[in-house]
Amino acid sequence: MDEVVKLVSKKAGITEDQARIAVQVVANVLKDRMPEGLASQVDVYLKGNGGKNDLGDIGGKLGGMFGKK
């Protein structure tokens, strides 16, 4: 998660503590809205145990979840 937190901090111009809270909030919202199998992968990815391609087509699935196809 540290890599994501640093990226959010840099891009948003906020402290790492603020970015960590933001990442946790977004991760929890996503996990609440995803099917169980995908939700567990969010934690795997944020803990650094997942590679760039480990989430498969998650972008497409998330887009569909939020109304984009």
C-alpha atoms as a PDB file:
ATOM      1  CA  MET A   1       0.000   0.000   0.000  1.00  0.00           C
ATOM      2  CA  ASP A   2       2.942   2.315   0.599  1.00  0.00           C
ATOM      3  CA  GLU A   3       3.571   2.696  -3.127  1.00  0.00           C
ATOM      4  CA  VAL A   4      -0.053   3.688  -3.764  1.00  0.00           C
ATOM      5  CA  VAL A   5      -0.047   6.057  -0.778  1.00  0.00           C
ATOM      6  CA  LYS A   6       3.094   7.795  -2.042  1.00  0.00           C
ATOM      7  CA  LEU A   7       1.607   8.129  -5.517  1.00  0.00           C
ATOM      8  CA  VAL A   8      -1.652   9.602  -4.183  1.00  0.00           C
ATOM      9  CA  SER A   9       0.296  11.943  -1.909  1.00  0.00           C
ATOM     10  CA  LYS A  10       2.432  13.198  -4.775  1.00  0.00           C
ATOM     11  CA  LYS A  11      -0.380  13.525  -7.337  1.00  0.00           C
ATOM     12  CA  ALA A  12      -2.874  15.127  -4.939  1.00  0.00           C
ATOM     13  CA  GLY A  13      -0.359  17.322  -3.129  1.00  0.00           C
ATOM     14  CA  ILE A  14      -1.359  15.982   0.295  1.00  0.00           C
ATOM     15  CA  THR A  15       0.590  14.421   3.147  1.00  0.00           C
ATOM     16  CA  GLU A  16       1.222  10.692   3.198  1.00  0.00           C
ATOM     17  CA  ASP A  17      -1.003  10.386   6.278  1.00  0.00           C
ATOM     18  CA  GLN A  18      -3.866  12.033   4.390  1.00  0.00           C
ATOM     19  CA  ALA A  19      -3.178   9.880   1.347  1.00  0.00           C
ATOM     20  CA  ARG A  20      -3.195   6.703   3.466  1.00  0.00           C
ATOM     21  CA  ILE A  21      -6.647   7.602   4.786  1.00  0.00           C
ATOM     22  CA  ALA A  22      -7.875   8.324   1.252  1.00  0.00           C
ATOM     23  CA  VAL A  23      -6.518   5.029  -0.086  1.00  0.00           C
ATOM     24  CA  GLN A  24      -8.106   3.096   2.782  1.00  0.00           C
ATOM     25  CA  VAL A  25     -11.476   4.785   2.240  1.00  0.00           C
ATOM     26  CA  VAL A  26     -11.440   4.102  -1.506  1.00  0.00           C
ATOM     27  CA  ALA A  27     -10.309   0.505  -0.976  1.00  0.00           C
ATOM     28  CA  ASN A  28     -13.126  -0.100   1.503  1.00  0.00           C
ATOM     29  CA  VAL A  29     -15.736   1.401  -0.822  1.00  0.00           C
ATOM     30  CA  LEU A  30     -14.499  -0.744  -3.704  1.00  0.00           C
ATOM     31  CA  LYS A  31     -14.444  -3.899  -1.579  1.00  0.00           C
ATOM     32  CA  ASP A  32     -18.004  -3.218  -0.390  1.00  0.00           C
ATOM     33  CA  ARG A  33     -19.220  -2.954  -3.993  1.00  0.00           C
ATOM     34  CA  MET A  34     -17.225  -5.771  -5.583  1.00  0.00           C
ATOM     35  CA  PRO A  35     -18.015  -9.456  -5.717  1.00  0.00           C
ATOM     36  CA  GLU A  36     -16.272 -11.279  -2.861  1.00  0.00           C
ATOM     37  CA  GLY A  37     -13.616 -12.880  -5.067  1.00  0.00           C
ATOM     38  CA  LEU A  38     -12.509  -9.549  -6.474  1.00  0.00           C
ATOM     39  CA  ALA A  39     -12.773  -7.711  -3.172  1.00  0.00           C
ATOM     40  CA  SER A  40     -10.131  -9.912  -1.580  1.00  0.00           C
ATOM     41  CA  GLN A  41      -7.774  -9.072  -4.445  1.00  0.00           C
ATOM     42  CA  VAL A  42      -7.836  -5.386  -3.477  1.00  0.00           C
ATOM     43  CA  ASP A  43      -6.116  -6.239  -0.191  1.00  0.00           C
ATOM     44  CA  VAL A  44      -3.645  -8.536  -1.950  1.00  0.00           C
ATOM     45  CA  TYR A  45      -2.725  -5.754  -4.361  1.00  0.00           C
ATOM     46  CA  LEU A  46      -2.455  -3.051  -1.701  1.00  0.00           C
ATOM     47  CA  LYS A  47      -0.276  -5.239   0.506  1.00  0.00           C
ATOM     48  CA  GLY A  48       2.188  -5.469  -2.356  1.00  0.00           C
ATOM     49  CA  ASN A  49       1.638  -9.160  -2.982  1.00  0.00           C
ATOM     50  CA  GLY A  50       0.125  -8.603  -6.395  1.00  0.00           C
ATOM     51  CA  GLY A  51       1.806  -7.673  -9.602  1.00  0.00           C
ATOM     52  CA  LYS A  52       0.622  -5.187 -12.156  1.00  0.00           C
ATOM     53  CA  ASN A  53      -1.415  -7.800 -14.018  1.00  0.00           C
ATOM     54  CA  ASP A  54      -2.712  -9.749 -11.025  1.00  0.00           C
ATOM     55  CA  LEU A  55      -6.032  -7.945 -11.041  1.00  0.00           C
ATOM     56  CA  GLY A  56      -6.788  -8.948 -14.605  1.00  0.00           C
ATOM     57  CA  ASP A  57      -9.569  -6.900 -16.171  1.00  0.00           C
ATOM     58  CA  ILE A  58     -10.435  -5.056 -12.986  1.00  0.00           C
ATOM     59  CA  GLY A  59     -10.484  -1.718 -14.819  1.00  0.00           C
ATOM     60  CA  GLY A  60     -13.222  -2.949 -17.123  1.00  0.00           C
ATOM     61  CA  LYS A  61     -15.154  -4.485 -14.256  1.00  0.00           C
ATOM     62  CA  LEU A  62     -14.923  -1.310 -12.189  1.00  0.00           C
ATOM     63  CA  GLY A  63     -15.992   0.790 -15.146  1.00  0.00           C
ATOM     64  CA  GLY A  64     -19.066  -1.385 -15.551  1.00  0.00           C
ATOM     65  CA  MET A  65     -19.801  -1.118 -11.855  1.00  0.00           C
ATOM     66  CA  PHE A  66     -19.845   2.671 -12.109  1.00  0.00           C
ATOM     67  CA  GLY A  67     -21.898   2.800 -15.302  1.00  0.00           C
ATOM     68  CA  LYS A  68     -19.151   2.824 -17.943  1.00  0.00           C
ATOM     69  CA  LYS A  69     -18.885   0.044 -20.486  1.00  0.00           C
END
